[in-house]
Amino acid sequence: MKFTTLLVPLALLAACASATPTPELVTAREAYYRAEHAPESRLAPASLLSARQALDRAEAAHKDDAQSNKERSLAYVAQRRAELALIDGKTQAQRNRRAEIDRQYEQTQTKRINASQDQVRNLNAQLYSQGQRANQSEQELQLERQRTQNALASLERVAQVKEEARGTVVTLSGQVLFLSGKSELLPSARDQLQTVAKALIDQGDSRSISIEGYTDSRGDESANMTLSQQRADAVRTFLISSGVPAERMTAVGKGESSPVASNDTAEGRANNRRVELILSNQGSNGRMNSNSHDEH
């Protein structure tokens, strides 16, 4: 979901004066600003408060450890909470409009003594049509809110989720998915990937998904490239078997390129051994090739 960038209140900018915030935190601040200043925001105070609290946790993580993964993850949650607050406000506005339509309908009943039966029927039909449209809009908002809420909760339980310029990035730890030097999925990994697959399906969009495999820098570079490709392929194959359309996904091995941490420590190497799912910011155009590489 894209939004036009808005000016963030000076109070929020002052909160990050000591260090540059992550793009995720900037996006979360903007999302909260939109929700807070939307006309419907006063209709969903509890949801807006939840979004404010989520943003405060992200700001605290930024203050404690700027540019950290914790800051990114908490900022992503804060962004989604702000979006939910806006949806809740719009839902309540729809309900208020429906209540006003019902009130008008009741008033028309008292006018029967002064209006012809044809006029009353026409007016009732108009009000009924308006009520149907209001019901449909409310149901659509509720479905959108539920999908967003469910997908967010599912992904947060098994992976790190963040927003980048290239799209929504879901990072899965390689040491949870595979044994060292292997490309076969562990039994526990299948449970996690099943949750990821359900979240991707529940999102209800058609964005293309790039599955990228990475390794640490130990071992032969060529072997690492092959291993990373095999791991990306394994994740793609499992997601297809779980119902994610094959034409949405490509798999590519990145080897030891683009480390997210130092390879000089065990913890850093563990962070570099990962699989990333990138949901493109643009919807898929036509059908993608079901295989993104030659046989290995």
Protein backbone atom coordinates (compact mmCIF):
# COMPACT_ATOMS: atom_id res chain seq x y z
CA MET A 1 0.00 0.00 0.00
CA LYS A 2 1.48 3.34 -1.01
CA PHE A 3 0.81 6.73 0.49
CA THR A 4 1.93 10.21 -0.51
CA THR A 5 4.61 11.40 1.90
CA LEU A 6 3.28 13.87 4.44
CA LEU A 7 5.10 16.28 6.68
CA VAL A 8 5.76 14.71 10.05
CA PRO A 9 5.09 16.78 13.20
CA LEU A 10 8.11 18.55 14.60
CA ALA A 11 7.77 16.57 17.79
CA LEU A 12 8.40 13.32 15.91
CA LEU A 13 11.34 14.78 14.01
CA ALA A 14 12.91 16.00 17.23
CA ALA A 15 12.70 12.47 18.64
CA CYS A 16 15.25 11.22 16.12
CA ALA A 17 17.56 14.25 16.01
CA SER A 18 20.50 12.30 17.49
CA ALA A 19 20.58 9.57 14.81
CA THR A 20 19.16 8.87 11.37
CA PRO A 21 16.00 6.73 11.59
CA THR A 22 15.49 3.65 9.44
CA PRO A 23 13.18 4.01 6.42
CA GLU A 24 10.72 1.78 8.26
CA LEU A 25 10.55 4.22 11.18
CA VAL A 26 10.09 7.19 8.84
CA THR A 27 7.23 5.34 7.11
CA ALA A 28 5.66 4.44 10.48
CA ARG A 29 5.74 8.08 11.59
CA GLU A 30 4.09 9.19 8.39
CA ALA A 31 1.41 6.49 8.68
CA TYR A 32 0.62 7.55 12.25
CA TYR A 33 0.48 11.20 11.22
CA ARG A 34 -2.05 10.35 8.51
CA ALA A 35 -4.18 8.34 10.93
CA GLU A 36 -4.01 10.98 13.66
CA HIS A 37 -5.09 13.81 11.35
CA ALA A 38 -7.73 11.93 9.38
CA PRO A 39 -11.30 13.23 9.99
CA GLU A 40 -12.33 9.71 11.05
CA SER A 41 -9.59 9.37 13.69
CA ARG A 42 -11.78 10.69 16.51
CA LEU A 43 -14.16 7.77 15.86
CA ALA A 44 -11.54 5.12 16.74
CA PRO A 45 -9.63 6.45 19.77
CA ALA A 46 -8.64 2.99 21.09
CA SER A 47 -7.08 1.93 17.79
CA LEU A 48 -5.28 5.26 17.46
CA LEU A 49 -3.91 4.85 20.98
CA SER A 50 -2.65 1.36 20.11
CA ALA A 51 -0.89 2.81 17.06
CA ARG A 52 0.65 5.57 19.19
CA GLN A 53 1.95 3.03 21.70
CA ALA A 54 3.42 0.88 18.92
CA LEU A 55 5.18 3.92 17.47
CA ASP A 56 6.50 4.83 20.93
CA ARG A 57 8.07 1.35 21.19
CA ALA A 58 9.71 1.80 17.81
CA GLU A 59 10.99 5.25 18.85
CA ALA A 60 12.41 3.74 22.05
CA ALA A 61 14.21 1.07 20.03
CA HIS A 62 15.61 3.81 17.79
CA LYS A 63 16.84 5.74 20.81
CA ASP A 64 18.44 2.66 22.37
CA ASP A 65 19.97 1.19 19.22
CA ALA A 66 19.49 3.26 16.08
CA GLN A 67 19.30 1.42 12.74
CA SER A 68 18.82 -1.94 14.53
CA ASN A 69 16.66 -4.83 13.32
CA LYS A 70 14.52 -4.32 16.39
CA GLU A 71 13.83 -0.74 15.33
CA ARG A 72 12.87 -1.92 11.84
CA SER A 73 10.53 -4.67 13.08
CA LEU A 74 8.79 -2.48 15.67
CA ALA A 75 8.44 0.32 13.11
CA TYR A 76 6.75 -2.09 10.68
CA VAL A 77 4.26 -3.09 13.39
CA ALA A 78 3.63 0.60 14.21
CA GLN A 79 2.93 1.33 10.54
CA ARG A 80 0.36 -1.47 10.32
CA ARG A 81 -1.28 -0.39 13.61
CA ALA A 82 -1.68 3.13 12.21
CA GLU A 83 -3.25 1.73 9.04
CA LEU A 84 -5.65 -0.36 11.12
CA ALA A 85 -6.60 2.71 13.16
CA LEU A 86 -7.50 4.53 9.95
CA ILE A 87 -9.58 1.56 8.76
CA ASP A 88 -11.37 1.41 12.15
CA GLY A 89 -12.20 5.11 11.90
CA LYS A 90 -13.61 4.70 8.40
CA THR A 91 -15.63 1.68 9.54
CA GLN A 92 -17.21 3.69 12.36
CA ALA A 93 -17.96 6.52 9.95
CA GLN A 94 -19.79 4.02 7.71
CA ARG A 95 -21.81 2.84 10.69
CA ASN A 96 -22.72 6.42 11.59
CA ARG A 97 -23.86 7.06 8.03
CA ARG A 98 -25.98 3.90 8.15
CA ALA A 99 -27.57 5.07 11.40
CA GLU A 100 -28.43 8.39 9.77
CA ILE A 101 -29.98 6.58 6.81
CA ASP A 102 -32.09 4.48 9.22
CA ARG A 103 -33.18 7.64 11.01
CA GLN A 104 -34.24 9.23 7.73
CA TYR A 105 -36.12 6.08 6.82
CA GLU A 106 -38.10 6.22 10.05
CA GLN A 107 -38.95 9.86 9.43
CA THR A 108 -40.42 9.03 6.05
CA GLN A 109 -42.95 6.75 7.70
CA THR A 110 -44.50 9.73 9.48
CA LYS A 111 -44.95 11.56 6.18
CA ARG A 112 -47.28 9.04 4.64
CA ILE A 113 -50.36 11.05 5.56
CA ASN A 114 -49.07 13.97 3.51
CA ALA A 115 -47.47 12.16 0.57
CA SER A 116 -48.72 9.87 -2.12
CA GLN A 117 -47.95 6.16 -1.94
CA ASP A 118 -45.77 6.44 -5.06
CA GLN A 119 -43.59 9.14 -3.51
CA VAL A 120 -43.14 7.10 -0.35
CA ARG A 121 -42.17 3.99 -2.32
CA ASN A 122 -39.63 5.90 -4.37
CA LEU A 123 -38.09 7.47 -1.30
CA ASN A 124 -37.96 4.13 0.50
CA ALA A 125 -36.28 2.51 -2.49
CA GLN A 126 -33.63 5.24 -2.58
CA LEU A 127 -32.93 4.88 1.14
CA TYR A 128 -32.80 1.10 0.86
CA SER A 129 -30.24 1.34 -1.98
CA GLN A 130 -28.12 3.75 0.06
CA GLY A 131 -28.28 1.36 3.01
CA GLN A 132 -27.16 -1.55 0.84
CA ARG A 133 -24.17 0.41 -0.41
CA ALA A 134 -23.28 1.42 3.14
CA ASN A 135 -23.45 -2.23 4.25
CA GLN A 136 -21.22 -3.32 1.39
CA SER A 137 -18.62 -0.63 2.12
CA GLU A 138 -18.54 -1.60 5.79
CA GLN A 139 -18.12 -5.29 4.96
CA GLU A 140 -15.26 -4.54 2.56
CA LEU A 141 -13.49 -2.47 5.20
CA GLN A 142 -13.92 -5.24 7.76
CA LEU A 143 -12.48 -7.83 5.36
CA GLU A 144 -9.53 -5.58 4.54
CA ARG A 145 -8.86 -5.01 8.23
CA GLN A 146 -9.05 -8.73 9.04
CA ARG A 147 -6.70 -9.70 6.20
CA THR A 148 -4.16 -7.07 7.23
CA GLN A 149 -4.39 -8.04 10.89
CA ASN A 150 -4.10 -11.79 10.28
CA ALA A 151 -1.22 -11.52 7.82
CA LEU A 152 0.68 -9.17 10.13
CA ALA A 153 0.26 -11.43 13.16
CA SER A 154 1.24 -14.57 11.25
CA LEU A 155 4.41 -13.15 9.73
CA GLU A 156 5.56 -11.53 12.98
CA ARG A 157 5.51 -14.92 14.70
CA VAL A 158 7.98 -16.61 12.35
CA ALA A 159 9.99 -13.94 10.54
CA GLN A 160 11.35 -10.42 10.54
CA VAL A 161 9.24 -8.12 8.37
CA LYS A 162 10.27 -4.71 7.08
CA GLU A 163 9.46 -2.25 4.33
CA GLU A 164 12.17 -1.21 1.87
CA ALA A 165 12.22 0.70 -1.40
CA ARG A 166 12.13 -2.59 -3.29
CA GLY A 167 9.03 -3.79 -1.41
CA THR A 168 8.01 -5.74 1.71
CA VAL A 169 10.94 -7.93 2.84
CA VAL A 170 10.27 -11.08 4.91
CA THR A 171 13.54 -12.47 6.33
CA LEU A 172 13.78 -16.11 7.48
CA SER A 173 16.81 -17.35 9.40
CA GLY A 174 18.75 -19.95 7.43
CA GLN A 175 19.79 -21.82 10.56
CA VAL A 176 16.10 -22.38 11.35
CA LEU A 177 15.34 -23.62 7.82
CA PHE A 178 18.36 -25.82 7.02
CA LEU A 179 21.18 -27.81 8.55
CA SER A 180 24.65 -26.38 7.99
CA GLY A 181 25.72 -26.90 4.38
CA LYS A 182 22.38 -28.53 3.42
CA SER A 183 19.43 -27.42 1.30
CA GLU A 184 16.77 -29.84 2.58
CA LEU A 185 14.12 -28.14 4.72
CA LEU A 186 14.01 -29.13 8.39
CA PRO A 187 10.65 -30.39 9.75
CA SER A 188 10.31 -27.29 11.93
CA ALA A 189 11.01 -25.12 8.89
CA ARG A 190 8.02 -26.61 7.10
CA ASP A 191 5.74 -25.43 9.91
CA GLN A 192 7.13 -21.91 9.66
CA LEU A 193 6.90 -21.80 5.88
CA GLN A 194 3.31 -23.05 6.06
CA THR A 195 2.51 -20.00 8.18
CA VAL A 196 4.30 -17.75 5.68
CA ALA A 197 2.38 -19.32 2.77
CA LYS A 198 -0.96 -18.75 4.48
CA ALA A 199 -0.06 -15.11 5.18
CA LEU A 200 0.93 -14.57 1.54
CA ILE A 201 -2.35 -16.06 0.34
CA ASP A 202 -4.44 -14.16 2.89
CA GLN A 203 -2.94 -10.85 1.76
CA GLY A 204 -5.09 -11.24 -1.34
CA ASP A 205 -2.78 -9.34 -3.70
CA SER A 206 -0.90 -10.38 -6.84
CA ARG A 207 2.49 -8.83 -6.18
CA SER A 208 5.46 -10.74 -7.55
CA ILE A 209 7.68 -12.46 -4.98
CA SER A 210 11.45 -12.82 -5.33
CA ILE A 211 12.94 -15.54 -3.12
CA GLU A 212 16.63 -14.85 -2.46
CA GLY A 213 19.01 -17.27 -0.75
CA TYR A 214 22.17 -16.09 1.05
CA THR A 215 25.13 -17.73 2.84
CA ASP A 216 27.96 -16.52 5.04
CA SER A 217 31.47 -16.10 3.64
CA ARG A 218 32.90 -19.40 4.88
CA GLY A 219 33.74 -22.00 2.25
CA ASP A 220 34.18 -21.79 -1.50
CA GLU A 221 32.39 -18.85 -3.13
CA SER A 222 31.14 -20.95 -6.06
CA ALA A 223 29.82 -23.66 -3.72
CA ASN A 224 28.10 -21.00 -1.62
CA MET A 225 26.38 -19.64 -4.72
CA THR A 226 25.10 -23.10 -5.62
CA LEU A 227 23.94 -23.79 -2.05
CA SER A 228 22.09 -20.48 -1.84
CA GLN A 229 20.29 -21.22 -5.12
CA GLN A 230 19.29 -24.69 -3.92
CA ARG A 231 17.91 -23.23 -0.68
CA ALA A 232 15.92 -20.56 -2.51
CA ASP A 233 14.55 -23.30 -4.81
CA ALA A 234 13.55 -25.41 -1.80
CA VAL A 235 11.59 -22.55 -0.25
CA ARG A 236 9.87 -21.75 -3.57
CA THR A 237 8.92 -25.39 -4.13
CA PHE A 238 7.41 -25.65 -0.64
CA LEU A 239 5.41 -22.42 -1.02
CA ILE A 240 4.01 -23.68 -4.35
CA SER A 241 2.94 -26.93 -2.67
CA SER A 242 1.23 -24.82 0.01
CA GLY A 243 -0.92 -22.93 -2.47
CA VAL A 244 1.10 -19.83 -3.41
CA PRO A 245 0.80 -19.41 -7.22
CA ALA A 246 4.00 -20.50 -8.96
CA GLU A 247 3.80 -17.69 -11.49
CA ARG A 248 4.15 -15.12 -8.71
CA MET A 249 7.54 -16.42 -7.52
CA THR A 250 11.12 -16.52 -8.75
CA ALA A 251 14.08 -18.03 -6.86
CA VAL A 252 17.65 -16.78 -7.05
CA GLY A 253 20.85 -17.60 -5.18
CA LYS A 254 22.90 -14.66 -3.95
CA GLY A 255 25.70 -16.64 -2.32
CA GLU A 256 27.75 -14.67 0.18
CA SER A 257 26.90 -11.29 -1.36
CA SER A 258 25.04 -8.53 0.52
CA PRO A 259 25.85 -9.54 4.12
CA VAL A 260 23.69 -7.90 6.78
CA ALA A 261 26.27 -8.45 9.55
CA SER A 262 29.98 -9.11 9.99
CA ASN A 263 31.20 -12.57 8.99
CA ASP A 264 33.87 -12.36 11.69
CA THR A 265 31.53 -13.57 14.46
CA ALA A 266 29.28 -16.61 14.81
CA GLU A 267 26.25 -14.38 15.39
CA GLY A 268 27.03 -12.31 12.30
CA ARG A 269 27.44 -15.38 10.12
CA ALA A 270 24.13 -16.76 11.43
CA ASN A 271 22.38 -13.53 10.42
CA ASN A 272 23.95 -13.69 6.95
CA ARG A 273 22.69 -17.27 6.39
CA ARG A 274 19.14 -16.32 5.48
CA VAL A 275 16.36 -16.51 2.92
CA GLU A 276 14.52 -13.32 1.98
CA LEU A 277 11.09 -13.04 0.36
CA ILE A 278 10.66 -9.68 -1.38
CA LEU A 279 7.08 -8.72 -2.22
CA SER A 280 7.46 -6.18 -5.02
CA ASN A 281 5.92 -2.74 -4.62
CA GLN A 282 4.35 -3.25 -8.05
CA GLY A 283 1.75 -5.85 -8.94
CA SER A 284 2.89 -8.64 -11.23
CA ASN A 285 2.40 -7.87 -14.94
CA GLY A 286 1.34 -11.00 -16.78
CA ARG A 287 2.66 -14.43 -15.92
CA MET A 288 6.17 -14.86 -14.65
CA ASN A 289 8.35 -17.78 -15.66
CA SER A 290 7.78 -20.66 -13.28
CA ASN A 291 11.53 -21.37 -13.25
CA SER A 292 14.00 -18.53 -12.88
CA HIS A 293 17.19 -20.47 -13.65
CA ASP A 294 18.69 -23.43 -15.41
CA GLU A 295 18.96 -26.84 -13.76
CA HIS A 296 21.61 -27.30 -11.05
